C-alpha atoms as a PDB file:
ATOM      1  CA  UNK A   1       6.604  25.058  30.555  1.00  0.00           C
ATOM      2  CA  UNK A   2       6.474  21.278  30.252  1.00  0.00           C
ATOM      3  CA  UNK A   3       7.134  19.536  26.974  1.00  0.00           C
ATOM      4  CA  UNK A   4       4.117  18.162  25.096  1.00  0.00           C
ATOM      5  CA  UNK A   5       3.189  14.600  26.003  1.00  0.00           C
ATOM      6  CA  UNK A   6       2.095  13.663  22.491  1.00  0.00           C
ATOM      7  CA  UNK A   7       3.804  14.003  19.135  1.00  0.00           C
ATOM      8  CA  UNK A   8       2.212  13.895  15.672  1.00  0.00           C
ATOM      9  CA  UNK A   9       3.923  13.886  12.283  1.00  0.00           C
ATOM     10  CA  UNK A  10       1.894  15.803   9.726  1.00  0.00           C
ATOM     11  CA  UNK A  11       2.370  14.695   6.107  1.00  0.00           C
ATOM     12  CA  UNK A  12       0.462  16.466   3.345  1.00  0.00           C
ATOM     13  CA  UNK A  13       0.388  15.996  -0.406  1.00  0.00           C
ATOM     14  CA  UNK A  14       0.372  19.702  -1.210  1.00  0.00           C
ATOM     15  CA  UNK A  15      -0.512  19.143  -4.860  1.00  0.00           C
ATOM     16  CA  UNK A  16      -3.990  18.051  -3.801  1.00  0.00           C
ATOM     17  CA  UNK A  17      -6.794  20.585  -3.715  1.00  0.00           C
ATOM     18  CA  UNK A  18      -7.131  22.463  -0.395  1.00  0.00           C
ATOM     19  CA  UNK A  19      -4.124  20.599   1.036  1.00  0.00           C
ATOM     20  CA  UNK A  20      -2.384  23.698   2.393  1.00  0.00           C
ATOM     21  CA  UNK A  21      -5.538  25.004   4.069  1.00  0.00           C
ATOM     22  CA  UNK A  22      -6.266  21.613   5.635  1.00  0.00           C
ATOM     23  CA  UNK A  23      -2.652  21.216   6.750  1.00  0.00           C
ATOM     24  CA  UNK A  24      -2.666  24.550   8.582  1.00  0.00           C
ATOM     25  CA  UNK A  25      -5.987  23.770  10.228  1.00  0.00           C
ATOM     26  CA  UNK A  26      -4.744  20.360  11.411  1.00  0.00           C
ATOM     27  CA  UNK A  27      -1.523  21.840  12.782  1.00  0.00           C
ATOM     28  CA  UNK A  28      -3.368  24.537  14.699  1.00  0.00           C
ATOM     29  CA  UNK A  29      -5.854  22.065  16.160  1.00  0.00           C
ATOM     30  CA  UNK A  30      -3.175  19.649  17.384  1.00  0.00           C
ATOM     31  CA  UNK A  31      -1.065  22.459  18.848  1.00  0.00           C
ATOM     32  CA  UNK A  32      -4.145  23.847  20.625  1.00  0.00           C
ATOM     33  CA  UNK A  33      -4.578  20.413  22.205  1.00  0.00           C
ATOM     34  CA  UNK A  34      -0.974  20.488  23.476  1.00  0.00           C
ATOM     35  CA  UNK A  35       0.569  18.129  20.936  1.00  0.00           C
ATOM     36  CA  UNK A  36       3.992  18.626  19.394  1.00  0.00           C
ATOM     37  CA  UNK A  37       3.718  18.764  15.605  1.00  0.00           C
ATOM     38  CA  UNK A  38       6.469  17.828  13.167  1.00  0.00           C
ATOM     39  CA  UNK A  39       6.527  17.762   9.390  1.00  0.00           C
ATOM     40  CA  UNK A  40       8.792  15.633   7.160  1.00  0.00           C
ATOM     41  CA  UNK A  41      11.405  18.356   6.692  1.00  0.00           C
ATOM     42  CA  UNK A  42      11.751  18.870  10.471  1.00  0.00           C
ATOM     43  CA  UNK A  43      11.297  15.286  11.698  1.00  0.00           C
ATOM     44  CA  UNK A  44      14.516  13.772  13.042  1.00  0.00           C
ATOM     45  CA  UNK A  45      13.347  10.373  14.190  1.00  0.00           C
ATOM     46  CA  UNK A  46      11.777  11.162  17.574  1.00  0.00           C
ATOM     47  CA  UNK A  47       9.049   8.964  19.014  1.00  0.00           C
ATOM     48  CA  UNK A  48       5.686   9.536  17.335  1.00  0.00           C
ATOM     49  CA  UNK A  49       2.215   8.844  18.684  1.00  0.00           C
ATOM     50  CA  UNK A  50       0.540   9.373  15.306  1.00  0.00           C
ATOM     51  CA  UNK A  51       1.163  10.165  11.663  1.00  0.00           C
ATOM     52  CA  UNK A  52      -1.610  12.258  10.090  1.00  0.00           C
ATOM     53  CA  UNK A  53      -1.598  11.783   6.312  1.00  0.00           C
ATOM     54  CA  UNK A  54      -3.406  14.337   4.137  1.00  0.00           C
ATOM     55  CA  UNK A  55      -3.689  13.042   0.583  1.00  0.00           C
ATOM     56  CA  UNK A  56      -4.503   9.786  -1.161  1.00  0.00           C
ATOM     57  CA  UNK A  57      -3.342   6.197  -0.888  1.00  0.00           C
ATOM     58  CA  UNK A  58       0.052   7.060  -2.359  1.00  0.00           C
ATOM     59  CA  UNK A  59       0.615   9.579   0.407  1.00  0.00           C
ATOM     60  CA  UNK A  60      -0.240   6.994   3.041  1.00  0.00           C
ATOM     61  CA  UNK A  61       2.184   4.490   1.505  1.00  0.00           C
ATOM     62  CA  UNK A  62       4.897   7.156   1.651  1.00  0.00           C
ATOM     63  CA  UNK A  63       4.118   7.767   5.321  1.00  0.00           C
ATOM     64  CA  UNK A  64       4.180   4.041   6.080  1.00  0.00           C
ATOM     65  CA  UNK A  65       7.621   3.850   4.462  1.00  0.00           C
ATOM     66  CA  UNK A  66       8.921   6.654   6.693  1.00  0.00           C
ATOM     67  CA  UNK A  67       7.867   5.048  10.007  1.00  0.00           C
ATOM     68  CA  UNK A  68       7.933   1.343   9.079  1.00  0.00           C
ATOM     69  CA  UNK A  69       8.985  -0.833  12.002  1.00  0.00           C
ATOM     70  CA  UNK A  70       8.177   1.762  14.663  1.00  0.00           C
ATOM     71  CA  UNK A  71       4.590   0.629  15.328  1.00  0.00           C
ATOM     72  CA  UNK A  72       3.266   4.177  14.852  1.00  0.00           C
ATOM     73  CA  UNK A  73      -0.413   4.467  13.948  1.00  0.00           C
ATOM     74  CA  UNK A  74      -1.341   6.253  10.706  1.00  0.00           C
ATOM     75  CA  UNK A  75      -4.536   8.244  10.184  1.00  0.00           C
ATOM     76  CA  UNK A  76      -5.324   8.832   6.522  1.00  0.00           C
ATOM     77  CA  UNK A  77      -7.451  11.811   5.480  1.00  0.00           C
ATOM     78  CA  UNK A  78      -8.561  11.602   1.873  1.00  0.00           C
ATOM     79  CA  UNK A  79      -7.884  14.642  -0.294  1.00  0.00           C
ATOM     80  CA  UNK A  80      -7.672  12.664  -3.525  1.00  0.00           C
ATOM     81  CA  UNK A  81     -10.064  10.672  -5.663  1.00  0.00           C
ATOM     82  CA  UNK A  82     -10.322   7.203  -4.129  1.00  0.00           C
ATOM     83  CA  UNK A  83      -8.391   7.209  -0.853  1.00  0.00           C
ATOM     84  CA  UNK A  84      -9.269   3.624  -0.013  1.00  0.00           C
ATOM     85  CA  UNK A  85      -6.844   3.429   2.914  1.00  0.00           C
ATOM     86  CA  UNK A  86      -8.058   6.693   4.443  1.00  0.00           C
ATOM     87  CA  UNK A  87     -10.326   6.706   7.471  1.00  0.00           C
ATOM     88  CA  UNK A  88     -11.597  10.272   7.167  1.00  0.00           C
ATOM     89  CA  UNK A  89     -12.525  12.895   4.589  1.00  0.00           C
ATOM     90  CA  UNK A  90     -11.261  16.473   4.779  1.00  0.00           C
ATOM     91  CA  UNK A  91     -14.645  17.803   5.919  1.00  0.00           C
ATOM     92  CA  UNK A  92     -14.561  15.461   8.918  1.00  0.00           C
ATOM     93  CA  UNK A  93     -10.991  16.263   9.967  1.00  0.00           C
ATOM     94  CA  UNK A  94     -11.755  18.507  13.010  1.00  0.00           C
ATOM     95  CA  UNK A  95     -13.904  15.779  14.548  1.00  0.00           C
ATOM     96  CA  UNK A  96     -11.274  13.151  13.687  1.00  0.00           C
ATOM     97  CA  UNK A  97      -8.528  15.114  15.428  1.00  0.00           C
ATOM     98  CA  UNK A  98     -10.745  15.612  18.485  1.00  0.00           C
ATOM     99  CA  UNK A  99     -11.287  11.860  18.681  1.00  0.00           C
ATOM    100  CA  UNK A 100      -7.562  11.172  18.391  1.00  0.00           C
ATOM    101  CA  UNK A 101      -6.780  13.675  21.133  1.00  0.00           C
ATOM    102  CA  UNK A 102      -9.432  12.037  23.338  1.00  0.00           C
ATOM    103  CA  UNK A 103      -8.044   8.561  22.589  1.00  0.00           C
ATOM    104  CA  UNK A 104     -11.377   7.588  21.050  1.00  0.00           C
ATOM    105  CA  UNK A 105     -10.107   5.306  18.297  1.00  0.00           C
ATOM    106  CA  UNK A 106      -8.754   1.837  17.684  1.00  0.00           C
ATOM    107  CA  UNK A 107      -5.684   0.615  15.852  1.00  0.00           C
ATOM    108  CA  UNK A 108      -6.053  -1.925  13.070  1.00  0.00           C
ATOM    109  CA  UNK A 109      -2.848  -3.823  12.207  1.00  0.00           C
ATOM    110  CA  UNK A 110      -2.420  -4.628   8.527  1.00  0.00           C
ATOM    111  CA  UNK A 111      -0.346  -7.490   7.137  1.00  0.00           C
ATOM    112  CA  UNK A 112       2.835  -6.624   5.266  1.00  0.00           C
ATOM    113  CA  UNK A 113       5.086  -8.556   2.907  1.00  0.00           C
ATOM    114  CA  UNK A 114       8.730  -9.369   3.450  1.00  0.00           C
ATOM    115  CA  UNK A 115      10.408  -9.298   0.036  1.00  0.00           C
ATOM    116  CA  UNK A 116      13.760 -10.728  -1.013  1.00  0.00           C
ATOM    117  CA  UNK A 117      15.257 -10.516  -4.483  1.00  0.00           C
ATOM    118  CA  UNK A 118      18.173 -12.740  -5.473  1.00  0.00           C
ATOM    119  CA  UNK A 119      20.024 -11.491  -8.540  1.00  0.00           C
ATOM    120  CA  UNK A 120      21.656 -13.950 -10.948  1.00  0.00           C
ATOM    121  CA  UNK A 121      25.074 -13.059  -9.502  1.00  0.00           C
ATOM    122  CA  UNK A 122      23.869 -13.960  -5.991  1.00  0.00           C
ATOM    123  CA  UNK A 123      23.460 -10.367  -4.786  1.00  0.00           C
ATOM    124  CA  UNK A 124      20.503  -9.898  -2.419  1.00  0.00           C
ATOM    125  CA  UNK A 125      17.996  -7.050  -2.117  1.00  0.00           C
ATOM    126  CA  UNK A 126      15.558  -6.870   0.799  1.00  0.00           C
ATOM    127  CA  UNK A 127      12.448  -4.746   1.106  1.00  0.00           C
ATOM    128  CA  UNK A 128       8.836  -4.849   2.279  1.00  0.00           C
ATOM    129  CA  UNK A 129       5.358  -3.892   1.086  1.00  0.00           C
ATOM    130  CA  UNK A 130       2.014  -2.949   2.570  1.00  0.00           C
ATOM    131  CA  UNK A 131       0.019  -3.294  -0.639  1.00  0.00           C
ATOM    132  CA  UNK A 132       1.959  -5.490  -3.036  1.00  0.00           C
ATOM    133  CA  UNK A 133       5.166  -6.431  -4.741  1.00  0.00           C
ATOM    134  CA  UNK A 134       5.048  -6.707  -8.511  1.00  0.00           C
ATOM    135  CA  UNK A 135       7.385  -8.420 -10.927  1.00  0.00           C
ATOM    136  CA  UNK A 136       6.896  -6.713 -14.280  1.00  0.00           C
ATOM    137  CA  UNK A 137       8.573  -6.538 -17.651  1.00  0.00           C
ATOM    138  CA  UNK A 138      11.420  -4.069 -17.943  1.00  0.00           C
ATOM    139  CA  UNK A 139      10.799  -3.447 -21.656  1.00  0.00           C
ATOM    140  CA  UNK A 140       7.238  -2.231 -22.359  1.00  0.00           C
ATOM    141  CA  UNK A 141       6.831  -3.950 -25.728  1.00  0.00           C
ATOM    142  CA  UNK A 142       8.050  -7.373 -24.500  1.00  0.00           C
ATOM    143  CA  UNK A 143       6.680 -10.049 -22.182  1.00  0.00           C
ATOM    144  CA  UNK A 144       8.518 -11.410 -19.180  1.00  0.00           C
ATOM    145  CA  UNK A 145       8.805 -15.198 -18.773  1.00  0.00           C
ATOM    146  CA  UNK A 146       8.014 -16.122 -15.167  1.00  0.00           C
ATOM    147  CA  UNK A 147       7.701 -19.353 -13.183  1.00  0.00           C
ATOM    148  CA  UNK A 148       5.435 -19.310 -10.106  1.00  0.00           C
ATOM    149  CA  UNK A 149       6.230 -21.528  -7.118  1.00  0.00           C
ATOM    150  CA  UNK A 150       4.567 -21.789  -3.710  1.00  0.00           C
ATOM    151  CA  UNK A 151       6.575 -23.350  -0.879  1.00  0.00           C
ATOM    152  CA  UNK A 152       9.085 -24.703  -3.364  1.00  0.00           C
ATOM    153  CA  UNK A 153       6.477 -26.394  -5.570  1.00  0.00           C
ATOM    154  CA  UNK A 154       6.455 -25.100  -9.147  1.00  0.00           C
ATOM    155  CA  UNK A 155       2.880 -24.381 -10.251  1.00  0.00           C
ATOM    156  CA  UNK A 156       2.995 -22.691 -13.633  1.00  0.00           C
ATOM    157  CA  UNK A 157       5.205 -20.792 -16.054  1.00  0.00           C
ATOM    158  CA  UNK A 158       4.191 -18.380 -18.815  1.00  0.00           C
ATOM    159  CA  UNK A 159       4.883 -15.103 -20.524  1.00  0.00           C
ATOM    160  CA  UNK A 160       3.026 -12.105 -19.139  1.00  0.00           C
ATOM    161  CA  UNK A 161       3.162  -8.378 -18.466  1.00  0.00           C
ATOM    162  CA  UNK A 162       3.875  -9.191 -14.839  1.00  0.00           C
ATOM    163  CA  UNK A 163       2.627 -10.796 -11.621  1.00  0.00           C
ATOM    164  CA  UNK A 164       1.317  -9.124  -8.471  1.00  0.00           C
ATOM    165  CA  UNK A 165       1.781 -10.637  -5.016  1.00  0.00           C
ATOM    166  CA  UNK A 166      -0.531  -8.692  -2.708  1.00  0.00           C
ATOM    167  CA  UNK A 167      -1.671  -8.525   0.888  1.00  0.00           C
ATOM    168  CA  UNK A 168      -5.399  -8.283   1.667  1.00  0.00           C
ATOM    169  CA  UNK A 169      -4.832  -4.517   1.985  1.00  0.00           C
ATOM    170  CA  UNK A 170      -3.391  -4.449  -1.525  1.00  0.00           C
ATOM    171  CA  UNK A 171      -6.180  -6.566  -3.007  1.00  0.00           C
ATOM    172  CA  UNK A 172      -8.143  -3.381  -3.788  1.00  0.00           C
ATOM    173  CA  UNK A 173      -5.201  -1.799  -5.623  1.00  0.00           C
ATOM    174  CA  UNK A 174      -2.989  -3.169  -8.394  1.00  0.00           C
ATOM    175  CA  UNK A 175      -4.237  -6.725  -7.895  1.00  0.00           C
ATOM    176  CA  UNK A 176      -7.858  -5.572  -8.238  1.00  0.00           C
ATOM    177  CA  UNK A 177      -7.041  -3.776 -11.490  1.00  0.00           C
ATOM    178  CA  UNK A 178      -5.429  -6.994 -12.742  1.00  0.00           C
ATOM    179  CA  UNK A 179      -8.608  -9.022 -12.193  1.00  0.00           C
ATOM    180  CA  UNK A 180      -7.909 -10.371  -8.726  1.00  0.00           C
ATOM    181  CA  UNK A 181     -10.543 -10.808  -6.011  1.00  0.00           C
ATOM    182  CA  UNK A 182     -11.156  -8.364  -3.187  1.00  0.00           C
ATOM    183  CA  UNK A 183      -9.886  -9.872   0.071  1.00  0.00           C
ATOM    184  CA  UNK A 184     -11.259  -8.660   3.403  1.00  0.00           C
ATOM    185  CA  UNK A 185      -8.411  -7.217   5.537  1.00  0.00           C
ATOM    186  CA  UNK A 186      -9.209  -9.552   8.434  1.00  0.00           C
ATOM    187  CA  UNK A 187      -8.198 -12.547   6.310  1.00  0.00           C
ATOM    188  CA  UNK A 188      -4.527 -13.466   6.589  1.00  0.00           C
ATOM    189  CA  UNK A 189      -3.415 -14.663   3.166  1.00  0.00           C
ATOM    190  CA  UNK A 190      -1.319 -13.825   0.118  1.00  0.00           C
ATOM    191  CA  UNK A 191      -2.825 -13.085  -3.280  1.00  0.00           C
ATOM    192  CA  UNK A 192      -1.037 -13.915  -6.543  1.00  0.00           C
ATOM    193  CA  UNK A 193      -2.440 -12.265  -9.696  1.00  0.00           C
ATOM    194  CA  UNK A 194      -0.923 -12.694 -13.188  1.00  0.00           C
ATOM    195  CA  UNK A 195      -1.122  -9.641 -15.438  1.00  0.00           C
ATOM    196  CA  UNK A 196      -2.098 -10.303 -19.062  1.00  0.00           C
ATOM    197  CA  UNK A 197      -0.689 -13.838 -18.975  1.00  0.00           C
ATOM    198  CA  UNK A 198      -0.258 -15.663 -22.267  1.00  0.00           C
ATOM    199  CA  UNK A 199      -1.460 -18.993 -20.860  1.00  0.00           C
ATOM    200  CA  UNK A 200      -4.474 -21.258 -20.451  1.00  0.00           C
ATOM    201  CA  UNK A 201      -3.947 -21.263 -16.678  1.00  0.00           C
ATOM    202  CA  UNK A 202      -3.807 -17.671 -15.522  1.00  0.00           C
ATOM    203  CA  UNK A 203      -6.176 -17.604 -12.537  1.00  0.00           C
ATOM    204  CA  UNK A 204      -5.384 -15.677  -9.349  1.00  0.00           C
ATOM    205  CA  UNK A 205      -4.209 -17.743  -6.391  1.00  0.00           C
ATOM    206  CA  UNK A 206      -4.958 -17.256  -2.710  1.00  0.00           C
ATOM    207  CA  UNK A 207      -2.340 -18.925  -0.525  1.00  0.00           C
ATOM    208  CA  UNK A 208      -2.052 -19.294   3.274  1.00  0.00           C
ATOM    209  CA  UNK A 209      -0.057 -16.788   5.333  1.00  0.00           C
ATOM    210  CA  UNK A 210       2.680 -19.248   6.241  1.00  0.00           C
ATOM    211  CA  UNK A 211       3.540 -19.836   2.574  1.00  0.00           C
ATOM    212  CA  UNK A 212       6.341 -18.332   0.507  1.00  0.00           C
ATOM    213  CA  UNK A 213       5.602 -17.244  -3.053  1.00  0.00           C
ATOM    214  CA  UNK A 214       8.541 -17.360  -5.457  1.00  0.00           C
ATOM    215  CA  UNK A 215       8.655 -15.757  -8.901  1.00  0.00           C
ATOM    216  CA  UNK A 216      11.642 -16.695 -11.041  1.00  0.00           C
ATOM    217  CA  UNK A 217      12.630 -15.194 -14.387  1.00  0.00           C
ATOM    218  CA  UNK A 218      13.256 -17.933 -16.948  1.00  0.00           C
ATOM    219  CA  UNK A 219      17.066 -18.157 -17.399  1.00  0.00           C
ATOM    220  CA  UNK A 220      16.457 -18.783 -21.117  1.00  0.00           C
ATOM    221  CA  UNK A 221      14.587 -15.497 -21.465  1.00  0.00           C
ATOM    222  CA  UNK A 222      16.180 -12.579 -23.298  1.00  0.00           C
ATOM    223  CA  UNK A 223      14.415  -9.883 -21.308  1.00  0.00           C
ATOM    224  CA  UNK A 224      14.866  -8.525 -17.801  1.00  0.00           C
ATOM    225  CA  UNK A 225      12.204  -7.660 -15.241  1.00  0.00           C
ATOM    226  CA  UNK A 226      11.737  -5.301 -12.305  1.00  0.00           C
ATOM    227  CA  UNK A 227      10.549  -6.027  -8.766  1.00  0.00           C
ATOM    228  CA  UNK A 228       8.661  -3.096  -7.232  1.00  0.00           C
ATOM    229  CA  UNK A 229       7.260  -2.748  -3.696  1.00  0.00           C
ATOM    230  CA  UNK A 230       4.203  -0.510  -3.297  1.00  0.00           C
ATOM    231  CA  UNK A 231       5.182   1.351  -6.451  1.00  0.00           C
ATOM    232  CA  UNK A 232       7.971   3.035  -4.468  1.00  0.00           C
ATOM    233  CA  UNK A 233      11.000   0.745  -4.059  1.00  0.00           C
ATOM    234  CA  UNK A 234      12.345  -0.981  -7.167  1.00  0.00           C
ATOM    235  CA  UNK A 235      15.121  -3.465  -7.869  1.00  0.00           C
ATOM    236  CA  UNK A 236      16.193  -4.921 -11.227  1.00  0.00           C
ATOM    237  CA  UNK A 237      15.497  -8.623 -11.550  1.00  0.00           C
ATOM    238  CA  UNK A 238      17.800  -9.993 -14.221  1.00  0.00           C
ATOM    239  CA  UNK A 239      17.324 -13.079 -16.348  1.00  0.00           C
ATOM    240  CA  UNK A 240      17.474 -16.005 -13.927  1.00  0.00           C
ATOM    241  CA  UNK A 241      16.718 -13.739 -10.971  1.00  0.00           C
ATOM    242  CA  UNK A 242      14.261 -14.713  -8.225  1.00  0.00           C
ATOM    243  CA  UNK A 243      11.827 -12.824  -6.006  1.00  0.00           C
ATOM    244  CA  UNK A 244      10.453 -14.349  -2.801  1.00  0.00           C
ATOM    245  CA  UNK A 245       7.547 -12.887  -0.820  1.00  0.00           C
ATOM    246  CA  UNK A 246       6.065 -13.968   2.491  1.00  0.00           C
ATOM    247  CA  UNK A 247       4.113 -12.391   5.339  1.00  0.00           C
ATOM    248  CA  UNK A 248       6.339  -9.927   7.176  1.00  0.00           C
ATOM    249  CA  UNK A 249       7.018  -9.811  10.902  1.00  0.00           C
ATOM    250  CA  UNK A 250       6.038  -6.118  11.091  1.00  0.00           C
ATOM    251  CA  UNK A 251       2.541  -4.733  10.596  1.00  0.00           C
ATOM    252  CA  UNK A 252       1.377  -1.276   9.535  1.00  0.00           C
ATOM    253  CA  UNK A 253      -1.135   0.186  11.998  1.00  0.00           C
ATOM    254  CA  UNK A 254      -4.088   2.200  10.705  1.00  0.00           C
ATOM    255  CA  UNK A 255      -6.332   4.364  12.870  1.00  0.00           C
ATOM    256  CA  UNK A 256      -9.993   3.360  12.742  1.00  0.00           C
ATOM    257  CA  UNK A 257     -12.953   5.116  14.364  1.00  0.00           C
ATOM    258  CA  UNK A 258     -16.127   3.274  13.487  1.00  0.00           C
ATOM    259  CA  UNK A 259     -17.271  -0.295  13.177  1.00  0.00           C
ATOM    260  CA  UNK A 260     -18.796  -0.080   9.695  1.00  0.00           C
ATOM    261  CA  UNK A 261     -18.262  -3.313   7.741  1.00  0.00           C
ATOM    262  CA  UNK A 262     -15.531  -3.461   5.131  1.00  0.00           C
ATOM    263  CA  UNK A 263     -18.185  -4.083   2.482  1.00  0.00           C
ATOM    264  CA  UNK A 264     -19.682  -0.649   3.181  1.00  0.00           C
ATOM    265  CA  UNK A 265     -16.380   0.979   2.254  1.00  0.00           C
ATOM    266  CA  UNK A 266     -16.204  -1.081  -0.929  1.00  0.00           C
ATOM    267  CA  UNK A 267     -19.619   0.135  -2.018  1.00  0.00           C
ATOM    268  CA  UNK A 268     -18.894   3.739  -1.059  1.00  0.00           C
ATOM    269  CA  UNK A 269     -15.482   3.965  -2.714  1.00  0.00           C
ATOM    270  CA  UNK A 270     -16.017   1.946  -5.873  1.00  0.00           C
ATOM    271  CA  UNK A 271     -19.476   3.342  -6.594  1.00  0.00           C
ATOM    272  CA  UNK A 272     -18.174   6.901  -6.944  1.00  0.00           C
ATOM    273  CA  UNK A 273     -18.722   8.351 -10.432  1.00  0.00           C
ATOM    274  CA  UNK A 274     -15.739   9.145 -12.612  1.00  0.00           C
ATOM    275  CA  UNK A 275     -14.659  12.730 -12.199  1.00  0.00           C
ATOM    276  CA  UNK A 276     -16.080  14.936 -14.911  1.00  0.00           C
ATOM    277  CA  UNK A 277     -18.764  12.405 -15.803  1.00  0.00           C
ATOM    278  CA  UNK A 278     -22.417  13.255 -16.060  1.00  0.00           C
ATOM    279  CA  UNK A 279     -25.342  11.341 -17.465  1.00  0.00           C
ATOM    280  CA  UNK A 280     -25.165  11.388 -21.240  1.00  0.00           C
ATOM    281  CA  UNK A 281     -21.427  12.040 -21.587  1.00  0.00           C
ATOM    282  CA  UNK A 282     -18.406  13.853 -20.227  1.00  0.00           C
ATOM    283  CA  UNK A 283     -18.701  17.344 -18.881  1.00  0.00           C
ATOM    284  CA  UNK A 284     -17.029  20.033 -20.916  1.00  0.00           C
END
């Protein structure tokens, strides 16, 4: 018996409703098509043709972290509430798997961030992000004093809850919640969004992809900050510390089936009613 030609990693957020049932169905369908199927606890780093992610956006970010730098395509299947990065819903999964097996899909590369933190003692921390890197206050009841620079030119300094540096992919996440604009994924740029800034100038910035954004903690400040990539990888950023973000050399590849415009997804995802809401009040 010959070994399977194709290999899929199946990642499921089992806390989501119907996740176990959907996971078993997906596994059976891929195996019936002759694919080898691994799951995180059995995956040992072999070549992958696809990562199938069953869950929400957080699950997809976890999957991207696992295979970052390998060029593997990720197919997100939404089992959560928003699932903005997902390409399919659970009800459409059999058809989605059939299209993957038939090679009837395209791969959409998404910009990432290369992140470097320099601690006051000179120690370096390197990471990356698909959505965003945030510099936020380490003490909830205090502000963090931050100076923003682009390509070495200081632009503004103020106290705030934090600052988000996002990719176009991340513009619909933390940056969107902070009042930033939605950026179409085909646009190559960096988005800088202050969070609750105590300043007259606190507008979001959109800077070109060749630029480097630097956030520096005021050395006169009494309070530390944290740098966090995609809500998953965090480094302390002490007083006088510096975070630099620029477009990364690696992309994250998402599976896409259709050619519907990005605006259609915006309307579909952000027009969904709040769970438990009905006209006239909340459901009991």
